[in-house]
Amino acid sequence: MKGTPLTEQIFNYIVEHFAADEATLSEMMQKRAAEAGVPMIMISEEQAKFIGFFLKAIKARRVLDIGTLFGYSAAIMSKAIGAAGEVVTLEFDPLHAKVAHANFKHLGLENISLLQGPALDNMKTMQDGIFDFIMIDADKINYKHYLKESLRLIKDGGIIAGDNAFAFGKLLEHVPETDPDFISVNAVREFNETFASEKSMFSCVVPVGDGLVMGFVKKHK
């Protein structure tokens, strides 16, 4: 039997009853970002609540956030893992990094380390197996490369997640080359195939937001 489609009414019900704090945080952080001219791109409120819930459930202590933008995902992760944990978040754009820093300071979140610059370059400087959870949510063309590095950086028994698994709702559509999302949609399709076939992961898709692929990584038999 198919699941119940997520209508706007059901989404609003979920946010009102289960993700009100996440919605408030998003609204506050968006305001600061909008004033600085930063794009309004972020995970949805119910997806934010799911990620926070999940991090608490697995007792994550060190997480990697690939794609900071104005810092919403990193803030959600920071609050979920607590002051004793650490969120490392990666952002290419200097303006986005500046706004995210301001948001973190305003929120009093001191367990976030923001590295500005190309994400892959920063990832390649990190030690093997140091993260409990890795979230991939950046430029889609590099998703497969982020996954390769993530498999090295994740701990045995850790979780890798990739946002926008439904490719902005265009995953199964015919997308012409003239569509501005043409390259990204095809990159997501390739990423999903790679993710699903990766033998070291037990993977699934969680239909929150624009779709979240998740893989439990088992490095040793």
C-alpha atoms as a PDB file:
ATOM      1  CA  MET A   1       0.000   0.000   0.000  1.00  0.00           C
ATOM      2  CA  LYS A   2       1.318   3.458  -0.891  1.00  0.00           C
ATOM      3  CA  GLY A   3       1.991   6.016   1.791  1.00  0.00           C
ATOM      4  CA  THR A   4      -0.217   9.032   2.311  1.00  0.00           C
ATOM      5  CA  PRO A   5       0.770  11.944   0.031  1.00  0.00           C
ATOM      6  CA  LEU A   6       2.117  14.974   1.874  1.00  0.00           C
ATOM      7  CA  THR A   7      -0.402  17.702   1.140  1.00  0.00           C
ATOM      8  CA  GLU A   8       0.100  21.300   2.168  1.00  0.00           C
ATOM      9  CA  GLN A   9      -2.497  20.829   4.906  1.00  0.00           C
ATOM     10  CA  ILE A  10      -0.687  17.804   6.349  1.00  0.00           C
ATOM     11  CA  PHE A  11       2.656  19.608   6.102  1.00  0.00           C
ATOM     12  CA  ASN A  12       1.258  22.564   8.040  1.00  0.00           C
ATOM     13  CA  TYR A  13      -0.162  20.178  10.646  1.00  0.00           C
ATOM     14  CA  ILE A  14       3.258  18.522  11.066  1.00  0.00           C
ATOM     15  CA  VAL A  15       5.019  21.849  11.472  1.00  0.00           C
ATOM     16  CA  GLU A  16       2.410  23.238  13.868  1.00  0.00           C
ATOM     17  CA  HIS A  17       2.402  20.199  16.143  1.00  0.00           C
ATOM     18  CA  PHE A  18       5.904  18.754  15.815  1.00  0.00           C
ATOM     19  CA  ALA A  19       8.282  21.334  14.291  1.00  0.00           C
ATOM     20  CA  ALA A  20       7.204  24.720  15.631  1.00  0.00           C
ATOM     21  CA  ASP A  21      10.622  25.452  17.159  1.00  0.00           C
ATOM     22  CA  GLU A  22      12.341  24.531  13.905  1.00  0.00           C
ATOM     23  CA  ALA A  23       9.991  26.856  12.005  1.00  0.00           C
ATOM     24  CA  THR A  24      10.729  29.723  14.389  1.00  0.00           C
ATOM     25  CA  LEU A  25      14.468  29.168  14.054  1.00  0.00           C
ATOM     26  CA  SER A  26      14.216  29.039  10.257  1.00  0.00           C
ATOM     27  CA  GLU A  27      12.244  32.279  10.116  1.00  0.00           C
ATOM     28  CA  MET A  28      14.749  34.094  12.308  1.00  0.00           C
ATOM     29  CA  MET A  29      17.778  32.867  10.355  1.00  0.00           C
ATOM     30  CA  GLN A  30      16.132  33.587   7.004  1.00  0.00           C
ATOM     31  CA  LYS A  31      15.563  37.196   8.002  1.00  0.00           C
ATOM     32  CA  ARG A  32      19.259  37.769   8.636  1.00  0.00           C
ATOM     33  CA  ALA A  33      20.145  35.991   5.393  1.00  0.00           C
ATOM     34  CA  ALA A  34      17.608  37.949   3.334  1.00  0.00           C
ATOM     35  CA  GLU A  35      18.989  41.236   4.614  1.00  0.00           C
ATOM     36  CA  ALA A  36      22.433  40.172   3.356  1.00  0.00           C
ATOM     37  CA  GLY A  37      21.132  38.997  -0.021  1.00  0.00           C
ATOM     38  CA  VAL A  38      21.771  35.295   0.632  1.00  0.00           C
ATOM     39  CA  PRO A  39      19.513  32.844  -1.276  1.00  0.00           C
ATOM     40  CA  MET A  40      16.597  31.348   0.643  1.00  0.00           C
ATOM     41  CA  ILE A  41      17.683  27.727   0.263  1.00  0.00           C
ATOM     42  CA  MET A  42      17.374  25.419   3.257  1.00  0.00           C
ATOM     43  CA  ILE A  43      15.915  22.129   4.438  1.00  0.00           C
ATOM     44  CA  SER A  44      12.212  22.171   5.320  1.00  0.00           C
ATOM     45  CA  GLU A  45      11.043  22.449   8.916  1.00  0.00           C
ATOM     46  CA  GLU A  46       9.794  18.871   9.162  1.00  0.00           C
ATOM     47  CA  GLN A  47      13.050  17.649   7.666  1.00  0.00           C
ATOM     48  CA  ALA A  48      14.978  19.701  10.215  1.00  0.00           C
ATOM     49  CA  LYS A  49      12.990  18.094  13.041  1.00  0.00           C
ATOM     50  CA  PHE A  50      13.660  14.628  11.626  1.00  0.00           C
ATOM     51  CA  ILE A  51      17.417  15.268  11.431  1.00  0.00           C
ATOM     52  CA  GLY A  52      17.513  16.602  14.976  1.00  0.00           C
ATOM     53  CA  PHE A  53      15.493  13.621  16.207  1.00  0.00           C
ATOM     54  CA  PHE A  54      17.736  11.207  14.336  1.00  0.00           C
ATOM     55  CA  LEU A  55      20.974  12.692  15.688  1.00  0.00           C
ATOM     56  CA  LYS A  56      19.646  12.420  19.220  1.00  0.00           C
ATOM     57  CA  ALA A  57      18.577   8.811  18.602  1.00  0.00           C
ATOM     58  CA  ILE A  58      22.022   7.704  17.408  1.00  0.00           C
ATOM     59  CA  LYS A  59      23.744   9.807  20.090  1.00  0.00           C
ATOM     60  CA  ALA A  60      25.896  11.540  17.486  1.00  0.00           C
ATOM     61  CA  ARG A  61      28.792  13.545  18.844  1.00  0.00           C
ATOM     62  CA  ARG A  62      30.670  14.680  15.749  1.00  0.00           C
ATOM     63  CA  VAL A  63      28.876  15.563  12.511  1.00  0.00           C
ATOM     64  CA  LEU A  64      29.834  17.031   9.142  1.00  0.00           C
ATOM     65  CA  ASP A  65      27.543  19.419   7.268  1.00  0.00           C
ATOM     66  CA  ILE A  66      28.526  19.823   3.603  1.00  0.00           C
ATOM     67  CA  GLY A  67      26.885  23.041   2.431  1.00  0.00           C
ATOM     68  CA  THR A  68      26.317  25.681   5.126  1.00  0.00           C
ATOM     69  CA  LEU A  69      24.587  28.519   3.255  1.00  0.00           C
ATOM     70  CA  PHE A  70      23.221  30.683   6.108  1.00  0.00           C
ATOM     71  CA  GLY A  71      23.624  27.920   8.697  1.00  0.00           C
ATOM     72  CA  TYR A  72      20.161  26.472   9.320  1.00  0.00           C
ATOM     73  CA  SER A  73      21.113  22.788   9.030  1.00  0.00           C
ATOM     74  CA  ALA A  74      24.242  23.311  11.096  1.00  0.00           C
ATOM     75  CA  ALA A  75      22.226  25.076  13.804  1.00  0.00           C
ATOM     76  CA  ILE A  76      19.713  22.215  13.907  1.00  0.00           C
ATOM     77  CA  MET A  77      22.541  19.700  14.237  1.00  0.00           C
ATOM     78  CA  SER A  78      24.305  21.820  16.871  1.00  0.00           C
ATOM     79  CA  LYS A  79      21.223  21.937  19.071  1.00  0.00           C
ATOM     80  CA  ALA A  80      20.619  18.199  18.630  1.00  0.00           C
ATOM     81  CA  ILE A  81      24.080  16.968  19.601  1.00  0.00           C
ATOM     82  CA  GLY A  82      24.576  19.426  22.454  1.00  0.00           C
ATOM     83  CA  ALA A  83      27.497  21.511  23.667  1.00  0.00           C
ATOM     84  CA  ALA A  84      29.741  18.465  24.173  1.00  0.00           C
ATOM     85  CA  GLY A  85      29.544  17.597  20.477  1.00  0.00           C
ATOM     86  CA  GLU A  86      30.969  19.293  17.397  1.00  0.00           C
ATOM     87  CA  VAL A  87      29.487  20.276  14.044  1.00  0.00           C
ATOM     88  CA  VAL A  88      31.948  20.901  11.229  1.00  0.00           C
ATOM     89  CA  THR A  89      30.235  22.798   8.426  1.00  0.00           C
ATOM     90  CA  LEU A  90      31.674  23.599   4.995  1.00  0.00           C
ATOM     91  CA  GLU A  91      30.782  26.630   2.858  1.00  0.00           C
ATOM     92  CA  PHE A  92      32.337  27.789  -0.406  1.00  0.00           C
ATOM     93  CA  ASP A  93      30.893  31.313  -0.611  1.00  0.00           C
ATOM     94  CA  PRO A  94      32.521  33.953   1.670  1.00  0.00           C
ATOM     95  CA  LEU A  95      29.278  35.949   2.034  1.00  0.00           C
ATOM     96  CA  HIS A  96      27.289  32.874   3.018  1.00  0.00           C
ATOM     97  CA  ALA A  97      29.987  31.952   5.543  1.00  0.00           C
ATOM     98  CA  LYS A  98      29.918  35.457   7.021  1.00  0.00           C
ATOM     99  CA  VAL A  99      26.136  35.380   7.464  1.00  0.00           C
ATOM    100  CA  ALA A 100      26.263  31.876   8.946  1.00  0.00           C
ATOM    101  CA  HIS A 101      28.930  32.994  11.443  1.00  0.00           C
ATOM    102  CA  ALA A 102      26.694  35.895  12.479  1.00  0.00           C
ATOM    103  CA  ASN A 103      23.723  33.556  12.900  1.00  0.00           C
ATOM    104  CA  PHE A 104      25.718  31.118  15.036  1.00  0.00           C
ATOM    105  CA  LYS A 105      27.024  33.952  17.226  1.00  0.00           C
ATOM    106  CA  HIS A 106      23.536  35.406  17.648  1.00  0.00           C
ATOM    107  CA  LEU A 107      22.222  31.974  18.686  1.00  0.00           C
ATOM    108  CA  GLY A 108      25.122  31.350  21.070  1.00  0.00           C
ATOM    109  CA  LEU A 109      26.121  28.146  19.279  1.00  0.00           C
ATOM    110  CA  GLU A 110      29.756  27.548  20.172  1.00  0.00           C
ATOM    111  CA  ASN A 111      30.103  23.934  19.051  1.00  0.00           C
ATOM    112  CA  ILE A 112      30.185  24.735  15.326  1.00  0.00           C
ATOM    113  CA  SER A 113      33.397  24.960  13.295  1.00  0.00           C
ATOM    114  CA  LEU A 114      32.846  26.651   9.925  1.00  0.00           C
ATOM    115  CA  LEU A 115      35.451  26.087   7.212  1.00  0.00           C
ATOM    116  CA  GLN A 116      35.191  28.428   4.229  1.00  0.00           C
ATOM    117  CA  GLY A 117      36.464  27.266   0.852  1.00  0.00           C
ATOM    118  CA  PRO A 118      35.970  24.344  -1.553  1.00  0.00           C
ATOM    119  CA  ALA A 119      34.360  21.526   0.424  1.00  0.00           C
ATOM    120  CA  LEU A 120      36.346  18.738  -1.235  1.00  0.00           C
ATOM    121  CA  ASP A 121      39.639  20.479  -0.477  1.00  0.00           C
ATOM    122  CA  ASN A 122      38.699  20.771   3.190  1.00  0.00           C
ATOM    123  CA  MET A 123      37.411  17.199   3.344  1.00  0.00           C
ATOM    124  CA  LYS A 124      40.663  15.828   1.927  1.00  0.00           C
ATOM    125  CA  THR A 125      42.608  17.333   4.849  1.00  0.00           C
ATOM    126  CA  MET A 126      40.522  15.436   7.435  1.00  0.00           C
ATOM    127  CA  GLN A 127      41.383  12.141   9.110  1.00  0.00           C
ATOM    128  CA  ASP A 128      39.631   8.876   8.293  1.00  0.00           C
ATOM    129  CA  GLY A 129      36.621   7.757  10.309  1.00  0.00           C
ATOM    130  CA  ILE A 130      36.007  10.781  12.514  1.00  0.00           C
ATOM    131  CA  PHE A 131      32.293  11.543  11.977  1.00  0.00           C
ATOM    132  CA  ASP A 132      29.149   9.856  13.301  1.00  0.00           C
ATOM    133  CA  PHE A 133      26.903  11.543  10.723  1.00  0.00           C
ATOM    134  CA  ILE A 134      27.536  13.352   7.444  1.00  0.00           C
ATOM    135  CA  MET A 135      24.963  15.480   5.622  1.00  0.00           C
ATOM    136  CA  ILE A 136      25.528  16.202   1.917  1.00  0.00           C
ATOM    137  CA  ASP A 137      23.546  19.265   0.813  1.00  0.00           C
ATOM    138  CA  ALA A 138      25.628  21.387  -1.541  1.00  0.00           C
ATOM    139  CA  ASP A 139      26.307  21.702  -5.289  1.00  0.00           C
ATOM    140  CA  LYS A 140      24.751  18.631  -6.905  1.00  0.00           C
ATOM    141  CA  ILE A 141      27.447  18.221  -9.558  1.00  0.00           C
ATOM    142  CA  ASN A 142      29.912  17.244  -6.823  1.00  0.00           C
ATOM    143  CA  TYR A 143      27.573  14.957  -4.859  1.00  0.00           C
ATOM    144  CA  LYS A 144      29.308  11.780  -6.065  1.00  0.00           C
ATOM    145  CA  HIS A 145      32.691  13.217  -5.037  1.00  0.00           C
ATOM    146  CA  TYR A 146      31.356  14.252  -1.646  1.00  0.00           C
ATOM    147  CA  LEU A 147      30.035  10.718  -1.191  1.00  0.00           C
ATOM    148  CA  LYS A 148      33.426   9.195  -1.980  1.00  0.00           C
ATOM    149  CA  GLU A 149      35.149  11.362   0.636  1.00  0.00           C
ATOM    150  CA  SER A 150      32.307  10.846   3.089  1.00  0.00           C
ATOM    151  CA  LEU A 151      32.776   7.087   2.945  1.00  0.00           C
ATOM    152  CA  ARG A 152      36.343   7.665   4.093  1.00  0.00           C
ATOM    153  CA  LEU A 153      35.454  10.189   6.788  1.00  0.00           C
ATOM    154  CA  ILE A 154      32.507   8.365   8.359  1.00  0.00           C
ATOM    155  CA  LYS A 155      33.004   6.024  11.293  1.00  0.00           C
ATOM    156  CA  ASP A 156      32.198   2.348  11.023  1.00  0.00           C
ATOM    157  CA  GLY A 157      28.503   2.242  11.870  1.00  0.00           C
ATOM    158  CA  GLY A 158      27.999   5.903  11.007  1.00  0.00           C
ATOM    159  CA  ILE A 159      25.335   7.428   8.763  1.00  0.00           C
ATOM    160  CA  ILE A 160      25.699   9.353   5.503  1.00  0.00           C
ATOM    161  CA  ALA A 161      22.716  11.363   4.240  1.00  0.00           C
ATOM    162  CA  GLY A 162      22.112  13.219   0.980  1.00  0.00           C
ATOM    163  CA  ASP A 163      19.453  15.894   0.541  1.00  0.00           C
ATOM    164  CA  ASN A 164      17.371  16.588  -2.598  1.00  0.00           C
ATOM    165  CA  ALA A 165      17.078  12.924  -3.542  1.00  0.00           C
ATOM    166  CA  PHE A 166      13.892  13.842  -5.442  1.00  0.00           C
ATOM    167  CA  ALA A 167      15.811  16.463  -7.471  1.00  0.00           C
ATOM    168  CA  PHE A 168      13.464  19.382  -6.732  1.00  0.00           C
ATOM    169  CA  GLY A 169      10.517  17.177  -7.707  1.00  0.00           C
ATOM    170  CA  LYS A 170      11.992  16.558 -11.172  1.00  0.00           C
ATOM    171  CA  LEU A 171      13.626  13.174 -10.518  1.00  0.00           C
ATOM    172  CA  LEU A 172      11.325  11.199 -12.814  1.00  0.00           C
ATOM    173  CA  GLU A 173      10.448  13.981 -15.228  1.00  0.00           C
ATOM    174  CA  HIS A 174      11.891  14.596 -18.667  1.00  0.00           C
ATOM    175  CA  VAL A 175      14.153  17.577 -18.081  1.00  0.00           C
ATOM    176  CA  PRO A 176      15.278  19.375 -21.262  1.00  0.00           C
ATOM    177  CA  GLU A 177      18.772  20.817 -21.568  1.00  0.00           C
ATOM    178  CA  THR A 178      17.232  24.286 -21.496  1.00  0.00           C
ATOM    179  CA  ASP A 179      15.992  23.701 -17.939  1.00  0.00           C
ATOM    180  CA  PRO A 180      18.275  25.494 -15.428  1.00  0.00           C
ATOM    181  CA  ASP A 181      18.180  22.369 -13.262  1.00  0.00           C
ATOM    182  CA  PHE A 182      19.232  20.006 -16.087  1.00  0.00           C
ATOM    183  CA  ILE A 183      22.775  19.417 -14.811  1.00  0.00           C
ATOM    184  CA  SER A 184      21.743  19.179 -11.156  1.00  0.00           C
ATOM    185  CA  VAL A 185      18.860  16.768 -11.819  1.00  0.00           C
ATOM    186  CA  ASN A 186      21.092  14.414 -13.767  1.00  0.00           C
ATOM    187  CA  ALA A 187      23.769  14.667 -11.084  1.00  0.00           C
ATOM    188  CA  VAL A 188      21.214  13.690  -8.437  1.00  0.00           C
ATOM    189  CA  ARG A 189      20.058  10.738 -10.540  1.00  0.00           C
ATOM    190  CA  GLU A 190      23.648   9.514 -10.826  1.00  0.00           C
ATOM    191  CA  PHE A 191      24.224  10.099  -7.120  1.00  0.00           C
ATOM    192  CA  ASN A 192      21.114   8.124  -6.159  1.00  0.00           C
ATOM    193  CA  GLU A 193      22.216   5.190  -8.317  1.00  0.00           C
ATOM    194  CA  THR A 194      25.689   5.250  -6.798  1.00  0.00           C
ATOM    195  CA  PHE A 195      24.310   5.587  -3.283  1.00  0.00           C
ATOM    196  CA  ALA A 196      21.865   2.697  -3.720  1.00  0.00           C
ATOM    197  CA  SER A 197      24.531   0.380  -5.171  1.00  0.00           C
ATOM    198  CA  GLU A 198      27.264   1.145  -2.629  1.00  0.00           C
ATOM    199  CA  LYS A 199      27.947  -2.235  -1.009  1.00  0.00           C
ATOM    200  CA  SER A 200      29.286  -0.815   2.242  1.00  0.00           C
ATOM    201  CA  MET A 201      25.953   0.906   2.979  1.00  0.00           C
ATOM    202  CA  PHE A 202      22.496  -0.283   4.007  1.00  0.00           C
ATOM    203  CA  SER A 203      20.495   2.511   2.413  1.00  0.00           C
ATOM    204  CA  CYS A 204      16.983   3.902   2.181  1.00  0.00           C
ATOM    205  CA  VAL A 205      15.096   7.031   1.115  1.00  0.00           C
ATOM    206  CA  VAL A 206      13.177   9.051   3.702  1.00  0.00           C
ATOM    207  CA  PRO A 207      10.409  11.113   2.015  1.00  0.00           C
ATOM    208  CA  VAL A 208      10.877  14.304   4.026  1.00  0.00           C
ATOM    209  CA  GLY A 209      11.527  17.629   2.353  1.00  0.00           C
ATOM    210  CA  ASP A 210      12.826  17.008  -1.159  1.00  0.00           C
ATOM    211  CA  GLY A 211      13.808  13.457  -0.231  1.00  0.00           C
ATOM    212  CA  LEU A 212      16.680  12.318   1.984  1.00  0.00           C
ATOM    213  CA  VAL A 213      18.794   9.274   1.099  1.00  0.00           C
ATOM    214  CA  MET A 214      20.424   7.699   4.141  1.00  0.00           C
ATOM    215  CA  GLY A 215      23.032   4.997   4.380  1.00  0.00           C
ATOM    216  CA  PHE A 216      24.266   3.011   7.383  1.00  0.00           C
ATOM    217  CA  VAL A 217      27.957   2.376   6.713  1.00  0.00           C
ATOM    218  CA  LYS A 218      29.529  -0.934   7.657  1.00  0.00           C
ATOM    219  CA  LYS A 219      33.252  -0.879   6.912  1.00  0.00           C
ATOM    220  CA  HIS A 220      34.192  -4.190   8.466  1.00  0.00           C
ATOM    221  CA  LYS A 221      32.554  -7.603   8.083  1.00  0.00           C
END
